[in-house]
Structures are given as structure tokens and as C-alpha cells.
Amino acid sequence: MKPLVYKKSRTRPDAREPERHKMHIAKGDTVRVISGEHRGKEGKVLRVIPKEFRVEVEGVNIVKKHKRAANPNQESGIIELTAPIAASKVMLLDPKSGDPTRVRRRVDKDGTVQRIAVKSGQPIPRAKAK
């Protein structure tokens, strides 16, 4: 009987998932869900998670979490939270017509990157940081 020999896997080191995915969506954008259980719903992006390629959208994918009080002063109970969904399931809305559109990037002469709506050609403004 032959002895068991364990072989190394043949995955290349450069074939792994990237540490951060390029995101076409930013916090504060208005998006529409294009597939899944919540298809057709619109909302504002609350959080972007580039490492997981996920986004949290206001009013979409609401889950209930059972929370226990950590100390006697806190309240326990069932709270509702928005859970993240895959970024590929949402599309940005066109600023001109309000329809979902793909996004193109344009680099201006001064080096700033603008997001352009493919349907109308209008620039998509970034939400102001608070």
C-alpha cells in the first residue's frame, strides 16, 4: 500500500479576492434594488462596506435582532436593523430622469474623478459629508 502524500494547492497567490472592491456607490447616494426579495425598492445608502462588496440601504433588508440587556439599567427586547445587501443588487438613480443607470468615470483636467450617468450623460454629485 502506498503512503499518503498531501499535495499543495495550485491556487496562484495573485488569484485571491482583492482586499477592497471598487465601488460604484458611495454613502448618501439614492439607489434602487434591481434583484432579490426587495426588488423595486428605493432608498438612501447608509453604509458602504468595500471589503465585503456590500451596502446598507435605508428601508431595505430589515432584520430583527433579539437584544439582551448587558446591565440592569439597559433595555432588552427585539430591535429592527438594516442588514447589508450585495452592491451588485443595487443601481444608482439617474439625476435627470430618476431611472436606474450604470456609471462611468471621467477624469477632469485637474485630476478630479466624476461619476457620469450612462443614460443621460449627467454627472452624479457626491453627497456632502456632515
N, C-alpha and C. Protein backbone atom coordinates (compact mmCIF):
# COMPACT_ATOMS: atom_id res chain seq x y z
N MET A 1 0.83 -1.18 0.00
CA MET A 1 0.00 0.00 0.00
C MET A 1 0.88 1.25 0.00
N LYS A 2 0.53 2.23 -0.86
CA LYS A 2 1.31 3.46 -0.96
C LYS A 2 1.05 4.37 0.25
N PRO A 3 2.07 5.11 0.66
CA PRO A 3 1.86 6.08 1.75
C PRO A 3 1.07 7.29 1.23
N LEU A 4 0.28 7.92 2.10
CA LEU A 4 -0.50 9.10 1.73
C LEU A 4 0.41 10.30 1.58
N VAL A 5 0.28 11.00 0.45
CA VAL A 5 1.08 12.20 0.19
C VAL A 5 0.11 13.37 0.01
N TYR A 6 0.31 14.41 0.79
CA TYR A 6 -0.53 15.61 0.68
C TYR A 6 0.13 16.59 -0.27
N LYS A 7 -0.60 16.99 -1.30
CA LYS A 7 -0.06 17.93 -2.29
C LYS A 7 -0.53 19.34 -1.95
N LYS A 8 0.30 20.31 -2.32
CA LYS A 8 -0.05 21.70 -2.12
C LYS A 8 -1.12 22.09 -3.14
N SER A 9 -1.96 23.05 -2.76
CA SER A 9 -2.99 23.51 -3.70
C SER A 9 -2.34 24.33 -4.81
N ARG A 10 -3.01 24.39 -5.93
CA ARG A 10 -2.44 25.06 -7.10
C ARG A 10 -2.95 26.48 -7.30
N THR A 11 -3.51 27.10 -6.27
CA THR A 11 -4.00 28.46 -6.44
C THR A 11 -2.83 29.43 -6.46
N ARG A 12 -2.90 30.34 -7.40
CA ARG A 12 -1.85 31.35 -7.51
C ARG A 12 -2.06 32.40 -6.42
N PRO A 13 -0.99 32.99 -5.91
CA PRO A 13 -1.17 33.99 -4.85
C PRO A 13 -1.91 35.24 -5.35
N ASP A 14 -1.82 35.57 -6.64
CA ASP A 14 -2.48 36.75 -7.18
C ASP A 14 -3.94 36.47 -7.55
N ALA A 15 -4.42 35.23 -7.44
CA ALA A 15 -5.78 34.86 -7.82
C ALA A 15 -6.77 35.04 -6.67
N ARG A 16 -6.31 35.53 -5.53
CA ARG A 16 -7.19 35.73 -4.38
C ARG A 16 -8.11 36.94 -4.58
N GLU A 17 -9.12 37.04 -3.74
CA GLU A 17 -10.04 38.17 -3.76
C GLU A 17 -9.29 39.45 -3.38
N PRO A 18 -9.64 40.59 -3.97
CA PRO A 18 -8.98 41.84 -3.58
C PRO A 18 -9.36 42.24 -2.16
N GLU A 19 -8.49 43.00 -1.52
CA GLU A 19 -8.76 43.44 -0.15
C GLU A 19 -9.93 44.41 -0.10
N ARG A 20 -10.02 45.28 -1.12
CA ARG A 20 -11.12 46.23 -1.21
C ARG A 20 -11.65 46.21 -2.64
N HIS A 21 -12.95 46.11 -2.79
CA HIS A 21 -13.55 46.13 -4.12
C HIS A 21 -13.76 47.58 -4.55
N LYS A 22 -13.69 47.84 -5.85
CA LYS A 22 -14.01 49.16 -6.37
C LYS A 22 -15.52 49.31 -6.33
N MET A 23 -15.98 50.36 -5.69
CA MET A 23 -17.41 50.55 -5.51
C MET A 23 -17.92 51.67 -6.42
N HIS A 24 -19.07 51.44 -7.06
CA HIS A 24 -19.69 52.45 -7.90
C HIS A 24 -20.70 53.27 -7.11
N ILE A 25 -20.81 52.95 -5.83
CA ILE A 25 -21.80 53.58 -4.96
C ILE A 25 -21.07 54.19 -3.76
N ALA A 26 -21.57 55.33 -3.30
CA ALA A 26 -20.99 55.97 -2.12
C ALA A 26 -22.10 56.23 -1.10
N LYS A 27 -21.71 56.51 0.12
CA LYS A 27 -22.67 56.80 1.19
C LYS A 27 -23.47 58.05 0.82
N GLY A 28 -24.78 57.97 1.02
CA GLY A 28 -25.63 59.12 0.72
C GLY A 28 -26.28 59.08 -0.65
N ASP A 29 -25.87 58.15 -1.53
CA ASP A 29 -26.46 58.03 -2.87
C ASP A 29 -27.87 57.45 -2.76
N THR A 30 -28.72 57.79 -3.73
CA THR A 30 -30.04 57.20 -3.82
C THR A 30 -29.98 56.07 -4.84
N VAL A 31 -30.40 54.88 -4.43
CA VAL A 31 -30.29 53.70 -5.27
C VAL A 31 -31.63 52.96 -5.34
N ARG A 32 -31.74 52.07 -6.35
CA ARG A 32 -32.90 51.18 -6.47
C ARG A 32 -32.40 49.75 -6.49
N VAL A 33 -33.08 48.87 -5.75
CA VAL A 33 -32.73 47.45 -5.71
C VAL A 33 -33.26 46.82 -7.00
N ILE A 34 -32.37 46.10 -7.73
CA ILE A 34 -32.76 45.57 -9.04
C ILE A 34 -33.02 44.07 -9.02
N SER A 35 -32.65 43.37 -7.94
CA SER A 35 -32.92 41.93 -7.89
C SER A 35 -33.07 41.49 -6.45
N GLY A 36 -33.73 40.36 -6.28
CA GLY A 36 -33.89 39.80 -4.95
C GLY A 36 -35.26 40.08 -4.36
N GLU A 37 -35.38 39.80 -3.09
CA GLU A 37 -36.66 39.92 -2.38
C GLU A 37 -37.17 41.36 -2.35
N HIS A 38 -36.29 42.33 -2.30
CA HIS A 38 -36.66 43.74 -2.15
C HIS A 38 -36.60 44.50 -3.48
N ARG A 39 -36.76 43.79 -4.59
CA ARG A 39 -36.67 44.39 -5.93
C ARG A 39 -37.67 45.53 -6.09
N GLY A 40 -37.17 46.65 -6.63
CA GLY A 40 -38.02 47.81 -6.88
C GLY A 40 -37.99 48.85 -5.79
N LYS A 41 -37.50 48.51 -4.61
CA LYS A 41 -37.45 49.48 -3.51
C LYS A 41 -36.32 50.47 -3.74
N GLU A 42 -36.56 51.72 -3.34
CA GLU A 42 -35.55 52.76 -3.44
C GLU A 42 -35.21 53.24 -2.04
N GLY A 43 -33.99 53.72 -1.90
CA GLY A 43 -33.57 54.25 -0.60
C GLY A 43 -32.20 54.88 -0.67
N LYS A 44 -31.83 55.47 0.43
CA LYS A 44 -30.53 56.13 0.55
C LYS A 44 -29.52 55.15 1.12
N VAL A 45 -28.28 55.20 0.63
CA VAL A 45 -27.23 54.32 1.12
C VAL A 45 -26.76 54.84 2.46
N LEU A 46 -26.87 53.99 3.49
CA LEU A 46 -26.47 54.37 4.84
C LEU A 46 -25.00 54.05 5.12
N ARG A 47 -24.52 52.92 4.54
CA ARG A 47 -23.16 52.47 4.82
C ARG A 47 -22.64 51.67 3.63
N VAL A 48 -21.36 51.81 3.34
CA VAL A 48 -20.70 51.05 2.26
C VAL A 48 -19.59 50.22 2.89
N ILE A 49 -19.56 48.92 2.55
CA ILE A 49 -18.54 48.02 3.08
C ILE A 49 -17.73 47.47 1.92
N PRO A 50 -16.63 48.14 1.51
CA PRO A 50 -15.87 47.72 0.34
C PRO A 50 -15.18 46.37 0.48
N LYS A 51 -14.79 45.98 1.69
CA LYS A 51 -14.12 44.69 1.88
C LYS A 51 -15.04 43.52 1.58
N GLU A 52 -16.33 43.69 1.82
CA GLU A 52 -17.30 42.62 1.59
C GLU A 52 -18.14 42.85 0.34
N PHE A 53 -17.96 43.99 -0.36
CA PHE A 53 -18.73 44.39 -1.54
C PHE A 53 -20.22 44.43 -1.22
N ARG A 54 -20.54 45.09 -0.09
CA ARG A 54 -21.92 45.17 0.36
C ARG A 54 -22.28 46.61 0.70
N VAL A 55 -23.58 46.90 0.67
CA VAL A 55 -24.09 48.22 1.05
C VAL A 55 -25.32 48.05 1.93
N GLU A 56 -25.54 49.03 2.80
CA GLU A 56 -26.75 49.08 3.61
C GLU A 56 -27.63 50.17 3.04
N VAL A 57 -28.88 49.82 2.70
CA VAL A 57 -29.82 50.76 2.10
C VAL A 57 -30.97 50.97 3.07
N GLU A 58 -31.36 52.24 3.22
CA GLU A 58 -32.43 52.62 4.14
C GLU A 58 -33.76 51.97 3.74
N GLY A 59 -34.37 51.23 4.66
CA GLY A 59 -35.67 50.60 4.41
C GLY A 59 -35.62 49.29 3.64
N VAL A 60 -34.42 48.78 3.38
CA VAL A 60 -34.27 47.53 2.62
C VAL A 60 -33.58 46.50 3.50
N ASN A 61 -34.04 45.25 3.43
CA ASN A 61 -33.46 44.13 4.17
C ASN A 61 -33.46 44.38 5.68
N ILE A 62 -34.64 44.67 6.19
CA ILE A 62 -34.80 44.91 7.62
C ILE A 62 -34.83 43.56 8.34
N VAL A 63 -33.99 43.40 9.35
CA VAL A 63 -33.95 42.16 10.14
C VAL A 63 -34.22 42.48 11.60
N LYS A 64 -34.71 41.48 12.33
CA LYS A 64 -34.99 41.65 13.75
C LYS A 64 -33.88 40.99 14.56
N LYS A 65 -33.39 41.72 15.56
CA LYS A 65 -32.32 41.21 16.40
C LYS A 65 -32.82 41.18 17.84
N HIS A 66 -32.61 40.04 18.49
CA HIS A 66 -33.00 39.90 19.90
C HIS A 66 -31.84 40.39 20.76
N LYS A 67 -32.09 41.44 21.50
CA LYS A 67 -31.02 42.06 22.29
C LYS A 67 -31.27 41.84 23.77
N ARG A 68 -30.25 41.35 24.45
CA ARG A 68 -30.32 41.15 25.88
C ARG A 68 -29.66 42.35 26.56
N ALA A 69 -30.17 42.75 27.69
CA ALA A 69 -29.60 43.88 28.43
C ALA A 69 -28.24 43.47 29.01
N ALA A 70 -27.22 44.29 28.77
CA ALA A 70 -25.88 43.99 29.28
C ALA A 70 -25.81 44.25 30.79
N ASN A 71 -26.54 45.25 31.26
CA ASN A 71 -26.61 45.51 32.71
C ASN A 71 -28.06 45.84 33.07
N PRO A 72 -28.40 45.89 34.35
CA PRO A 72 -29.81 46.09 34.74
C PRO A 72 -30.42 47.41 34.26
N ASN A 73 -29.60 48.41 33.97
CA ASN A 73 -30.12 49.71 33.54
C ASN A 73 -30.58 49.71 32.08
N GLN A 74 -30.03 48.81 31.26
CA GLN A 74 -30.36 48.79 29.82
C GLN A 74 -31.65 48.03 29.57
N GLU A 75 -32.24 48.32 28.39
CA GLU A 75 -33.45 47.64 27.97
C GLU A 75 -33.12 46.45 27.10
N SER A 76 -33.91 45.39 27.24
CA SER A 76 -33.76 44.25 26.34
C SER A 76 -35.01 44.18 25.49
N GLY A 77 -34.93 43.45 24.38
CA GLY A 77 -36.09 43.31 23.52
C GLY A 77 -35.69 43.00 22.09
N ILE A 78 -36.64 43.13 21.19
CA ILE A 78 -36.41 42.86 19.77
C ILE A 78 -36.29 44.20 19.06
N ILE A 79 -35.14 44.42 18.41
CA ILE A 79 -34.91 45.66 17.67
C ILE A 79 -34.80 45.35 16.18
N GLU A 80 -35.17 46.31 15.34
CA GLU A 80 -35.09 46.14 13.89
C GLU A 80 -33.89 46.90 13.36
N LEU A 81 -33.10 46.21 12.53
CA LEU A 81 -31.89 46.79 11.94
C LEU A 81 -31.91 46.61 10.43
N THR A 82 -31.17 47.45 9.71
CA THR A 82 -30.99 47.23 8.27
C THR A 82 -29.74 46.40 8.08
N ALA A 83 -29.86 45.29 7.39
CA ALA A 83 -28.72 44.42 7.12
C ALA A 83 -28.16 44.75 5.74
N PRO A 84 -26.85 44.55 5.53
CA PRO A 84 -26.26 44.86 4.23
C PRO A 84 -26.69 43.87 3.15
N ILE A 85 -26.74 44.36 1.90
CA ILE A 85 -27.00 43.51 0.73
C ILE A 85 -25.85 43.68 -0.24
N ALA A 86 -25.74 42.79 -1.20
CA ALA A 86 -24.67 42.84 -2.18
C ALA A 86 -24.78 44.11 -3.03
N ALA A 87 -23.66 44.75 -3.28
CA ALA A 87 -23.64 46.00 -4.04
C ALA A 87 -24.06 45.78 -5.49
N SER A 88 -23.93 44.56 -5.99
CA SER A 88 -24.32 44.27 -7.37
C SER A 88 -25.84 44.24 -7.54
N LYS A 89 -26.58 44.21 -6.43
CA LYS A 89 -28.04 44.16 -6.49
C LYS A 89 -28.67 45.55 -6.52
N VAL A 90 -27.87 46.61 -6.46
CA VAL A 90 -28.42 47.96 -6.48
C VAL A 90 -27.82 48.76 -7.64
N MET A 91 -28.62 49.72 -8.15
CA MET A 91 -28.15 50.61 -9.20
C MET A 91 -28.42 52.04 -8.79
N LEU A 92 -27.48 52.91 -9.14
CA LEU A 92 -27.65 54.34 -8.88
C LEU A 92 -28.78 54.89 -9.73
N LEU A 93 -29.45 55.93 -9.24
CA LEU A 93 -30.52 56.55 -10.00
C LEU A 93 -29.97 57.74 -10.79
N ASP A 94 -30.45 57.87 -12.02
CA ASP A 94 -30.06 58.96 -12.92
C ASP A 94 -30.56 60.28 -12.33
N PRO A 95 -29.71 61.31 -12.22
CA PRO A 95 -30.17 62.58 -11.64
C PRO A 95 -31.19 63.30 -12.52
N LYS A 96 -31.20 63.03 -13.83
CA LYS A 96 -32.11 63.71 -14.75
C LYS A 96 -33.50 63.07 -14.76
N SER A 97 -33.56 61.73 -14.95
CA SER A 97 -34.86 61.06 -15.11
C SER A 97 -35.31 60.28 -13.88
N GLY A 98 -34.39 59.91 -13.00
CA GLY A 98 -34.74 59.11 -11.83
C GLY A 98 -34.78 57.62 -12.10
N ASP A 99 -34.35 57.19 -13.29
CA ASP A 99 -34.29 55.77 -13.63
C ASP A 99 -32.94 55.19 -13.22
N PRO A 100 -32.87 53.86 -13.00
CA PRO A 100 -31.57 53.25 -12.69
C PRO A 100 -30.63 53.35 -13.89
N THR A 101 -29.36 53.59 -13.62
CA THR A 101 -28.38 53.74 -14.69
C THR A 101 -27.04 53.16 -14.27
N ARG A 102 -26.27 52.76 -15.27
CA ARG A 102 -24.89 52.36 -15.00
C ARG A 102 -24.05 53.62 -14.83
N VAL A 103 -22.84 53.44 -14.32
CA VAL A 103 -21.99 54.59 -14.01
C VAL A 103 -20.69 54.49 -14.77
N ARG A 104 -20.27 55.61 -15.30
CA ARG A 104 -18.98 55.73 -15.98
C ARG A 104 -18.17 56.76 -15.21
N ARG A 105 -16.86 56.64 -15.24
CA ARG A 105 -15.99 57.61 -14.56
C ARG A 105 -15.30 58.50 -15.57
N ARG A 106 -15.18 59.78 -15.24
CA ARG A 106 -14.49 60.72 -16.12
C ARG A 106 -13.49 61.50 -15.27
N VAL A 107 -12.25 61.54 -15.73
CA VAL A 107 -11.22 62.29 -15.02
C VAL A 107 -11.08 63.65 -15.69
N ASP A 108 -11.28 64.72 -14.91
CA ASP A 108 -11.16 66.07 -15.44
C ASP A 108 -9.69 66.47 -15.58
N LYS A 109 -9.45 67.62 -16.19
CA LYS A 109 -8.07 68.09 -16.41
C LYS A 109 -7.33 68.32 -15.10
N ASP A 110 -8.06 68.75 -14.05
CA ASP A 110 -7.42 69.00 -12.76
C ASP A 110 -7.23 67.72 -11.94
N GLY A 111 -7.66 66.55 -12.47
CA GLY A 111 -7.40 65.28 -11.81
C GLY A 111 -8.55 64.75 -10.96
N THR A 112 -9.65 65.52 -10.86
CA THR A 112 -10.78 65.05 -10.07
C THR A 112 -11.59 64.03 -10.88
N VAL A 113 -12.09 63.03 -10.18
CA VAL A 113 -12.87 61.97 -10.83
C VAL A 113 -14.35 62.26 -10.63
N GLN A 114 -15.10 62.26 -11.74
CA GLN A 114 -16.54 62.48 -11.69
C GLN A 114 -17.25 61.22 -12.12
N ARG A 115 -18.39 60.93 -11.47
CA ARG A 115 -19.21 59.80 -11.90
C ARG A 115 -20.25 60.33 -12.89
N ILE A 116 -20.37 59.66 -14.03
CA ILE A 116 -21.28 60.09 -15.08
C ILE A 116 -22.35 59.01 -15.27
N ALA A 117 -23.62 59.43 -15.35
CA ALA A 117 -24.71 58.50 -15.63
C ALA A 117 -24.67 58.14 -17.10
N VAL A 118 -24.69 56.84 -17.42
CA VAL A 118 -24.57 56.38 -18.81
C VAL A 118 -25.81 56.77 -19.60
N LYS A 119 -27.02 56.72 -18.99
CA LYS A 119 -28.26 57.01 -19.72
C LYS A 119 -28.34 58.45 -20.20
N SER A 120 -28.05 59.40 -19.30
CA SER A 120 -28.25 60.80 -19.67
C SER A 120 -26.95 61.56 -19.90
N GLY A 121 -25.83 61.05 -19.42
CA GLY A 121 -24.55 61.77 -19.55
C GLY A 121 -24.37 62.83 -18.49
N GLN A 122 -25.29 62.94 -17.54
CA GLN A 122 -25.21 63.93 -16.47
C GLN A 122 -24.26 63.46 -15.38
N PRO A 123 -23.49 64.37 -14.78
CA PRO A 123 -22.65 63.97 -13.64
C PRO A 123 -23.51 63.68 -12.42
N ILE A 124 -23.11 62.67 -11.67
CA ILE A 124 -23.81 62.29 -10.44
C ILE A 124 -23.06 62.93 -9.28
N PRO A 125 -23.70 63.87 -8.58
CA PRO A 125 -22.99 64.54 -7.48
C PRO A 125 -22.79 63.64 -6.29
N ARG A 126 -21.69 63.85 -5.58
CA ARG A 126 -21.41 63.09 -4.35
C ARG A 126 -22.17 63.77 -3.21
N ALA A 127 -22.62 62.99 -2.26
CA ALA A 127 -23.32 63.52 -1.09
C ALA A 127 -22.32 64.26 -0.21
N LYS A 128 -22.76 65.35 0.37
CA LYS A 128 -21.89 66.15 1.24
C LYS A 128 -21.68 65.44 2.56
N ALA A 129 -20.43 65.41 3.03
CA ALA A 129 -20.11 64.80 4.33
C ALA A 129 -20.53 65.75 5.44
N LYS A 130 -21.09 65.17 6.51
CA LYS A 130 -21.55 66.00 7.63
C LYS A 130 -20.44 66.26 8.60
